[in-house]
């Protein structure tokens, strides 16, 4: 169970922050006419914010590849592969 939590912890936190940011976006900049795709409803804003948080959690994971960071790309500073 602990290893599952370690795997999903980062995406869960980023998605939760994205949902909160989506709600804040709706409350602060919400669309009064209802024609805006993302800000016309709090659910749309929160869903989009959650997706963006999930995407950012995967993109900013760090390293070159999945978990090792060794893709065979040469490090320009040290000259090592």
PDB file of N, CA and C in Angstrom:
ATOM      1  N   UNK A   1       0.819  -1.196   0.000  1.00  0.00           N
ATOM      2  CA  UNK A   1       0.000   0.000   0.000  1.00  0.00           C
ATOM      3  C   UNK A   1       0.863   1.259   0.000  1.00  0.00           C
ATOM      4  N   UNK A   2       1.980   1.214   0.713  1.00  0.00           N
ATOM      5  CA  UNK A   2       2.851   2.380   0.772  1.00  0.00           C
ATOM      6  C   UNK A   2       3.482   2.656  -0.587  1.00  0.00           C
ATOM      7  N   UNK A   3       3.870   1.614  -1.315  1.00  0.00           N
ATOM      8  CA  UNK A   3       4.477   1.839  -2.619  1.00  0.00           C
ATOM      9  C   UNK A   3       3.467   2.412  -3.610  1.00  0.00           C
ATOM     10  N   UNK A   4       2.188   2.055  -3.477  1.00  0.00           N
ATOM     11  CA  UNK A   4       1.159   2.627  -4.330  1.00  0.00           C
ATOM     12  C   UNK A   4       1.023   4.115  -4.035  1.00  0.00           C
ATOM     13  N   UNK A   5       1.035   4.481  -2.774  1.00  0.00           N
ATOM     14  CA  UNK A   5       0.934   5.893  -2.399  1.00  0.00           C
ATOM     15  C   UNK A   5       2.133   6.674  -2.918  1.00  0.00           C
ATOM     16  N   UNK A   6       3.330   6.097  -2.869  1.00  0.00           N
ATOM     17  CA  UNK A   6       4.505   6.783  -3.389  1.00  0.00           C
ATOM     18  C   UNK A   6       4.382   7.010  -4.885  1.00  0.00           C
ATOM     19  N   UNK A   7       3.711   6.106  -5.579  1.00  0.00           N
ATOM     20  CA  UNK A   7       3.554   6.228  -7.018  1.00  0.00           C
ATOM     21  C   UNK A   7       2.544   7.308  -7.391  1.00  0.00           C
ATOM     22  N   UNK A   8       1.456   7.391  -6.656  1.00  0.00           N
ATOM     23  CA  UNK A   8       0.395   8.328  -7.030  1.00  0.00           C
ATOM     24  C   UNK A   8       0.406   9.623  -6.220  1.00  0.00           C
ATOM     25  N   UNK A   9       1.322   9.767  -5.298  1.00  0.00           N
ATOM     26  CA  UNK A   9       1.336  10.943  -4.425  1.00  0.00           C
ATOM     27  C   UNK A   9       1.508  12.237  -5.220  1.00  0.00           C
ATOM     28  N   UNK A  10       2.514  12.291  -6.072  1.00  0.00           N
ATOM     29  CA  UNK A  10       2.793  13.516  -6.821  1.00  0.00           C
ATOM     30  C   UNK A  10       1.634  13.892  -7.757  1.00  0.00           C
ATOM     31  N   UNK A  11       1.127  12.967  -8.597  1.00  0.00           N
ATOM     32  CA  UNK A  11      -0.018  13.338  -9.436  1.00  0.00           C
ATOM     33  C   UNK A  11      -1.254  13.746  -8.628  1.00  0.00           C
ATOM     34  N   UNK A  12      -1.484  13.088  -7.490  1.00  0.00           N
ATOM     35  CA  UNK A  12      -2.628  13.428  -6.652  1.00  0.00           C
ATOM     36  C   UNK A  12      -2.510  14.850  -6.106  1.00  0.00           C
ATOM     37  N   UNK A  13      -1.338  15.202  -5.614  1.00  0.00           N
ATOM     38  CA  UNK A  13      -1.135  16.540  -5.052  1.00  0.00           C
ATOM     39  C   UNK A  13      -1.267  17.604  -6.137  1.00  0.00           C
ATOM     40  N   UNK A  14      -0.618  17.382  -7.281  1.00  0.00           N
ATOM     41  CA  UNK A  14      -0.682  18.358  -8.363  1.00  0.00           C
ATOM     42  C   UNK A  14      -2.104  18.493  -8.908  1.00  0.00           C
ATOM     43  N   UNK A  15      -2.819  17.384  -9.040  1.00  0.00           N
ATOM     44  CA  UNK A  15      -4.200  17.442  -9.519  1.00  0.00           C
ATOM     45  C   UNK A  15      -5.093  18.183  -8.526  1.00  0.00           C
ATOM     46  N   UNK A  16      -4.880  17.930  -7.244  1.00  0.00           N
ATOM     47  CA  UNK A  16      -5.669  18.625  -6.219  1.00  0.00           C
ATOM     48  C   UNK A  16      -5.414  20.123  -6.253  1.00  0.00           C
ATOM     49  N   UNK A  17      -4.156  20.494  -6.407  1.00  0.00           N
ATOM     50  CA  UNK A  17      -3.835  21.921  -6.523  1.00  0.00           C
ATOM     51  C   UNK A  17      -4.434  22.517  -7.793  1.00  0.00           C
ATOM     52  N   UNK A  18      -4.448  21.746  -8.872  1.00  0.00           N
ATOM     53  CA  UNK A  18      -5.057  22.213 -10.113  1.00  0.00           C
ATOM     54  C   UNK A  18      -6.556  22.410  -9.982  1.00  0.00           C
ATOM     55  N   UNK A  19      -7.219  21.496  -9.280  1.00  0.00           N
ATOM     56  CA  UNK A  19      -8.661  21.634  -9.045  1.00  0.00           C
ATOM     57  C   UNK A  19      -8.937  22.888  -8.218  1.00  0.00           C
ATOM     58  N   UNK A  20      -8.139  23.107  -7.191  1.00  0.00           N
ATOM     59  CA  UNK A  20      -8.308  24.311  -6.363  1.00  0.00           C
ATOM     60  C   UNK A  20      -8.048  25.574  -7.186  1.00  0.00           C
ATOM     61  N   UNK A  21      -7.019  25.548  -8.023  1.00  0.00           N
ATOM     62  CA  UNK A  21      -6.722  26.705  -8.877  1.00  0.00           C
ATOM     63  C   UNK A  21      -7.845  26.938  -9.879  1.00  0.00           C
ATOM     64  N   UNK A  22      -8.442  25.867 -10.397  1.00  0.00           N
ATOM     65  CA  UNK A  22      -9.572  26.006 -11.307  1.00  0.00           C
ATOM     66  C   UNK A  22     -10.772  26.647 -10.631  1.00  0.00           C
ATOM     67  N   UNK A  23     -11.022  26.273  -9.396  1.00  0.00           N
ATOM     68  CA  UNK A  23     -12.125  26.878  -8.656  1.00  0.00           C
ATOM     69  C   UNK A  23     -11.863  28.357  -8.389  1.00  0.00           C
ATOM     70  N   UNK A  24     -10.643  28.677  -7.999  1.00  0.00           N
ATOM     71  CA  UNK A  24     -10.280  30.083  -7.771  1.00  0.00           C
ATOM     72  C   UNK A  24     -10.408  30.874  -9.077  1.00  0.00           C
ATOM     73  N   UNK A  25      -9.978  30.275 -10.179  1.00  0.00           N
ATOM     74  CA  UNK A  25     -10.100  30.927 -11.480  1.00  0.00           C
ATOM     75  C   UNK A  25     -11.566  31.220 -11.798  1.00  0.00           C
ATOM     76  N   UNK A  26     -12.426  30.255 -11.540  1.00  0.00           N
ATOM     77  CA  UNK A  26     -13.858  30.464 -11.788  1.00  0.00           C
ATOM     78  C   UNK A  26     -14.412  31.575 -10.897  1.00  0.00           C
ATOM     79  N   UNK A  27     -14.039  31.567  -9.634  1.00  0.00           N
ATOM     80  CA  UNK A  27     -14.580  32.559  -8.702  1.00  0.00           C
ATOM     81  C   UNK A  27     -14.064  33.956  -8.989  1.00  0.00           C
ATOM     82  N   UNK A  28     -12.815  34.073  -9.409  1.00  0.00           N
ATOM     83  CA  UNK A  28     -12.220  35.390  -9.628  1.00  0.00           C
ATOM     84  C   UNK A  28     -12.504  35.912 -11.040  1.00  0.00           C
ATOM     85  N   UNK A  29     -12.302  35.063 -12.045  1.00  0.00           N
ATOM     86  CA  UNK A  29     -12.420  35.511 -13.432  1.00  0.00           C
ATOM     87  C   UNK A  29     -13.597  34.887 -14.174  1.00  0.00           C
ATOM     88  N   UNK A  30     -14.505  34.263 -13.478  1.00  0.00           N
ATOM     89  CA  UNK A  30     -15.601  33.533 -14.104  1.00  0.00           C
ATOM     90  C   UNK A  30     -16.307  34.304 -15.208  1.00  0.00           C
ATOM     91  N   UNK A  31     -16.911  33.589 -16.101  1.00  0.00           N
ATOM     92  CA  UNK A  31     -17.564  34.164 -17.269  1.00  0.00           C
ATOM     93  C   UNK A  31     -19.034  34.419 -16.948  1.00  0.00           C
ATOM     94  N   UNK A  32     -19.438  35.660 -16.962  1.00  0.00           N
ATOM     95  CA  UNK A  32     -20.823  35.994 -16.602  1.00  0.00           C
ATOM     96  C   UNK A  32     -21.807  35.690 -17.727  1.00  0.00           C
ATOM     97  N   UNK A  33     -21.354  35.651 -18.968  1.00  0.00           N
ATOM     98  CA  UNK A  33     -22.262  35.414 -20.094  1.00  0.00           C
ATOM     99  C   UNK A  33     -22.507  33.934 -20.333  1.00  0.00           C
ATOM    100  N   UNK A  34     -21.623  33.069 -19.867  1.00  0.00           N
ATOM    101  CA  UNK A  34     -21.779  31.639 -20.060  1.00  0.00           C
ATOM    102  C   UNK A  34     -21.237  31.133 -21.382  1.00  0.00           C
ATOM    103  N   UNK A  35     -20.555  31.992 -22.129  1.00  0.00           N
ATOM    104  CA  UNK A  35     -20.037  31.587 -23.431  1.00  0.00           C
ATOM    105  C   UNK A  35     -18.592  31.102 -23.365  1.00  0.00           C
ATOM    106  N   UNK A  36     -17.947  31.274 -22.261  1.00  0.00           N
ATOM    107  CA  UNK A  36     -16.559  30.833 -22.119  1.00  0.00           C
ATOM    108  C   UNK A  36     -16.537  29.320 -21.874  1.00  0.00           C
ATOM    109  N   UNK A  37     -15.672  28.627 -22.563  1.00  0.00           N
ATOM    110  CA  UNK A  37     -15.652  27.165 -22.462  1.00  0.00           C
ATOM    111  C   UNK A  37     -15.204  26.691 -21.081  1.00  0.00           C
ATOM    112  N   UNK A  38     -14.179  27.312 -20.527  1.00  0.00           N
ATOM    113  CA  UNK A  38     -13.609  26.818 -19.277  1.00  0.00           C
ATOM    114  C   UNK A  38     -14.170  27.524 -18.050  1.00  0.00           C
ATOM    115  N   UNK A  39     -14.564  28.754 -18.189  1.00  0.00           N
ATOM    116  CA  UNK A  39     -14.994  29.516 -17.020  1.00  0.00           C
ATOM    117  C   UNK A  39     -16.503  29.660 -16.918  1.00  0.00           C
ATOM    118  N   UNK A  40     -17.255  28.958 -17.752  1.00  0.00           N
ATOM    119  CA  UNK A  40     -18.712  29.100 -17.699  1.00  0.00           C
ATOM    120  C   UNK A  40     -19.330  28.325 -16.541  1.00  0.00           C
ATOM    121  N   UNK A  41     -18.622  27.311 -16.052  1.00  0.00           N
ATOM    122  CA  UNK A  41     -19.129  26.503 -14.951  1.00  0.00           C
ATOM    123  C   UNK A  41     -17.972  26.162 -14.012  1.00  0.00           C
ATOM    124  N   UNK A  42     -18.239  26.070 -12.715  1.00  0.00           N
ATOM    125  CA  UNK A  42     -17.144  25.720 -11.807  1.00  0.00           C
ATOM    126  C   UNK A  42     -16.610  24.309 -12.078  1.00  0.00           C
ATOM    127  N   UNK A  43     -17.465  23.423 -12.543  1.00  0.00           N
ATOM    128  CA  UNK A  43     -17.020  22.056 -12.828  1.00  0.00           C
ATOM    129  C   UNK A  43     -16.048  22.022 -14.006  1.00  0.00           C
ATOM    130  N   UNK A  44     -16.341  22.817 -15.042  1.00  0.00           N
ATOM    131  CA  UNK A  44     -15.420  22.883 -16.181  1.00  0.00           C
ATOM    132  C   UNK A  44     -14.069  23.433 -15.762  1.00  0.00           C
ATOM    133  N   UNK A  45     -14.076  24.501 -14.984  1.00  0.00           N
ATOM    134  CA  UNK A  45     -12.825  25.114 -14.538  1.00  0.00           C
ATOM    135  C   UNK A  45     -12.030  24.158 -13.652  1.00  0.00           C
ATOM    136  N   UNK A  46     -12.719  23.477 -12.755  1.00  0.00           N
ATOM    137  CA  UNK A  46     -12.030  22.551 -11.856  1.00  0.00           C
ATOM    138  C   UNK A  46     -11.514  21.338 -12.611  1.00  0.00           C
ATOM    139  N   UNK A  47     -12.276  20.837 -13.573  1.00  0.00           N
ATOM    140  CA  UNK A  47     -11.830  19.691 -14.368  1.00  0.00           C
ATOM    141  C   UNK A  47     -10.595  20.056 -15.179  1.00  0.00           C
ATOM    142  N   UNK A  48     -10.644  21.190 -15.851  1.00  0.00           N
ATOM    143  CA  UNK A  48      -9.502  21.631 -16.649  1.00  0.00           C
ATOM    144  C   UNK A  48      -8.286  21.880 -15.760  1.00  0.00           C
ATOM    145  N   UNK A  49      -8.485  22.506 -14.604  1.00  0.00           N
ATOM    146  CA  UNK A  49      -7.386  22.741 -13.669  1.00  0.00           C
ATOM    147  C   UNK A  49      -6.777  21.440 -13.175  1.00  0.00           C
ATOM    148  N   UNK A  50      -7.619  20.451 -12.888  1.00  0.00           N
ATOM    149  CA  UNK A  50      -7.118  19.143 -12.464  1.00  0.00           C
ATOM    150  C   UNK A  50      -6.312  18.460 -13.548  1.00  0.00           C
ATOM    151  N   UNK A  51      -6.795  18.541 -14.798  1.00  0.00           N
ATOM    152  CA  UNK A  51      -6.027  17.965 -15.911  1.00  0.00           C
ATOM    153  C   UNK A  51      -4.692  18.667 -16.096  1.00  0.00           C
ATOM    154  N   UNK A  52      -4.693  19.982 -15.967  1.00  0.00           N
ATOM    155  CA  UNK A  52      -3.433  20.724 -16.109  1.00  0.00           C
ATOM    156  C   UNK A  52      -2.474  20.364 -14.970  1.00  0.00           C
ATOM    157  N   UNK A  53      -2.982  20.218 -13.762  1.00  0.00           N
ATOM    158  CA  UNK A  53      -2.137  19.805 -12.642  1.00  0.00           C
ATOM    159  C   UNK A  53      -1.556  18.425 -12.858  1.00  0.00           C
ATOM    160  N   UNK A  54      -2.360  17.503 -13.384  1.00  0.00           N
ATOM    161  CA  UNK A  54      -1.881  16.157 -13.678  1.00  0.00           C
ATOM    162  C   UNK A  54      -0.804  16.195 -14.754  1.00  0.00           C
ATOM    163  N   UNK A  55      -1.038  16.972 -15.790  1.00  0.00           N
ATOM    164  CA  UNK A  55      -0.061  17.099 -16.870  1.00  0.00           C
ATOM    165  C   UNK A  55       1.256  17.696 -16.356  1.00  0.00           C
ATOM    166  N   UNK A  56       1.164  18.727 -15.542  1.00  0.00           N
ATOM    167  CA  UNK A  56       2.370  19.349 -14.989  1.00  0.00           C
ATOM    168  C   UNK A  56       3.122  18.370 -14.094  1.00  0.00           C
ATOM    169  N   UNK A  57       2.403  17.526 -13.352  1.00  0.00           N
ATOM    170  CA  UNK A  57       3.084  16.564 -12.481  1.00  0.00           C
ATOM    171  C   UNK A  57       3.901  15.564 -13.294  1.00  0.00           C
ATOM    172  N   UNK A  58       3.405  15.183 -14.472  1.00  0.00           N
ATOM    173  CA  UNK A  58       4.143  14.243 -15.307  1.00  0.00           C
ATOM    174  C   UNK A  58       5.281  14.921 -16.064  1.00  0.00           C
ATOM    175  N   UNK A  59       5.059  16.143 -16.525  1.00  0.00           N
ATOM    176  CA  UNK A  59       6.074  16.846 -17.298  1.00  0.00           C
ATOM    177  C   UNK A  59       7.242  17.266 -16.423  1.00  0.00           C
ATOM    178  N   UNK A  60       6.969  17.702 -15.212  1.00  0.00           N
ATOM    179  CA  UNK A  60       8.023  18.223 -14.343  1.00  0.00           C
ATOM    180  C   UNK A  60       8.601  17.163 -13.415  1.00  0.00           C
ATOM    181  N   UNK A  61       8.435  15.914 -13.759  1.00  0.00           N
ATOM    182  CA  UNK A  61       8.881  14.826 -12.881  1.00  0.00           C
ATOM    183  C   UNK A  61      10.385  14.855 -12.646  1.00  0.00           C
ATOM    184  N   UNK A  62      11.126  15.341 -13.608  1.00  0.00           N
ATOM    185  CA  UNK A  62      12.574  15.430 -13.452  1.00  0.00           C
ATOM    186  C   UNK A  62      13.261  14.230 -14.060  1.00  0.00           C
ATOM    187  N   UNK A  63      14.515  14.392 -14.320  1.00  0.00           N
ATOM    188  CA  UNK A  63      15.255  13.313 -14.946  1.00  0.00           C
ATOM    189  C   UNK A  63      14.998  13.275 -16.436  1.00  0.00           C
ATOM    190  N   UNK A  64      15.731  12.444 -17.095  1.00  0.00           N
ATOM    191  CA  UNK A  64      15.606  12.360 -18.548  1.00  0.00           C
ATOM    192  C   UNK A  64      14.514  11.378 -18.936  1.00  0.00           C
ATOM    193  N   UNK A  65      14.544  10.228 -18.346  1.00  0.00           N
ATOM    194  CA  UNK A  65      13.553   9.202 -18.677  1.00  0.00           C
ATOM    195  C   UNK A  65      12.636   8.982 -17.486  1.00  0.00           C
ATOM    196  N   UNK A  66      12.023   7.848 -17.452  1.00  0.00           N
ATOM    197  CA  UNK A  66      10.993   7.582 -16.446  1.00  0.00           C
ATOM    198  C   UNK A  66      11.484   7.788 -15.017  1.00  0.00           C
ATOM    199  N   UNK A  67      12.517   7.072 -14.618  1.00  0.00           N
ATOM    200  CA  UNK A  67      12.925   7.236 -13.225  1.00  0.00           C
ATOM    201  C   UNK A  67      14.427   7.253 -13.035  1.00  0.00           C
ATOM    202  N   UNK A  68      15.177   6.877 -14.031  1.00  0.00           N
ATOM    203  CA  UNK A  68      16.616   6.801 -13.845  1.00  0.00           C
ATOM    204  C   UNK A  68      17.358   8.039 -14.292  1.00  0.00           C
ATOM    205  N   UNK A  69      16.848   8.690 -15.305  1.00  0.00           N
ATOM    206  CA  UNK A  69      17.522   9.861 -15.811  1.00  0.00           C
ATOM    207  C   UNK A  69      18.663   9.522 -16.758  1.00  0.00           C
ATOM    208  N   UNK A  70      18.809   8.265 -17.138  1.00  0.00           N
ATOM    209  CA  UNK A  70      19.890   7.908 -18.044  1.00  0.00           C
ATOM    210  C   UNK A  70      19.308   7.435 -19.362  1.00  0.00           C
ATOM    211  N   UNK A  71      19.263   8.316 -20.318  1.00  0.00           N
ATOM    212  CA  UNK A  71      18.727   7.988 -21.639  1.00  0.00           C
ATOM    213  C   UNK A  71      19.840   7.718 -22.626  1.00  0.00           C
ATOM    214  N   UNK A  72      21.064   7.727 -22.175  1.00  0.00           N
ATOM    215  CA  UNK A  72      22.174   7.577 -23.085  1.00  0.00           C
ATOM    216  C   UNK A  72      22.563   8.908 -23.707  1.00  0.00           C
ATOM    217  N   UNK A  73      22.025   9.995 -23.182  1.00  0.00           N
ATOM    218  CA  UNK A  73      22.354  11.320 -23.692  1.00  0.00           C
ATOM    219  C   UNK A  73      23.600  11.804 -22.962  1.00  0.00           C
ATOM    220  N   UNK A  74      24.536  12.303 -23.700  1.00  0.00           N
ATOM    221  CA  UNK A  74      25.799  12.749 -23.115  1.00  0.00           C
ATOM    222  C   UNK A  74      25.586  14.026 -22.324  1.00  0.00           C
ATOM    223  N   UNK A  75      26.158  14.077 -21.137  1.00  0.00           N
ATOM    224  CA  UNK A  75      26.114  15.268 -20.310  1.00  0.00           C
ATOM    225  C   UNK A  75      27.162  16.235 -20.834  1.00  0.00           C
ATOM    226  N   UNK A  76      26.756  17.405 -21.268  1.00  0.00           N
ATOM    227  CA  UNK A  76      27.653  18.362 -21.892  1.00  0.00           C
ATOM    228  C   UNK A  76      28.709  18.884 -20.929  1.00  0.00           C
ATOM    229  N   UNK A  77      28.367  18.995 -19.657  1.00  0.00           N
ATOM    230  CA  UNK A  77      29.322  19.558 -18.680  1.00  0.00           C
ATOM    231  C   UNK A  77      30.420  18.579 -18.333  1.00  0.00           C
ATOM    232  N   UNK A  78      30.069  17.324 -18.108  1.00  0.00           N
ATOM    233  CA  UNK A  78      31.081  16.373 -17.637  1.00  0.00           C
ATOM    234  C   UNK A  78      31.630  15.483 -18.754  1.00  0.00           C
ATOM    235  N   UNK A  79      30.931  15.424 -19.889  1.00  0.00           N
ATOM    236  CA  UNK A  79      31.370  14.588 -20.981  1.00  0.00           C
ATOM    237  C   UNK A  79      31.028  13.125 -20.786  1.00  0.00           C
ATOM    238  N   UNK A  80      30.235  12.813 -19.743  1.00  0.00           N
ATOM    239  CA  UNK A  80      29.838  11.434 -19.459  1.00  0.00           C
ATOM    240  C   UNK A  80      28.517  11.137 -20.117  1.00  0.00           C
ATOM    241  N   UNK A  81      28.305   9.855 -20.373  1.00  0.00           N
ATOM    242  CA  UNK A  81      27.011   9.404 -20.883  1.00  0.00           C
ATOM    243  C   UNK A  81      26.113   9.024 -19.742  1.00  0.00           C
TER     244      UNK A  81
END
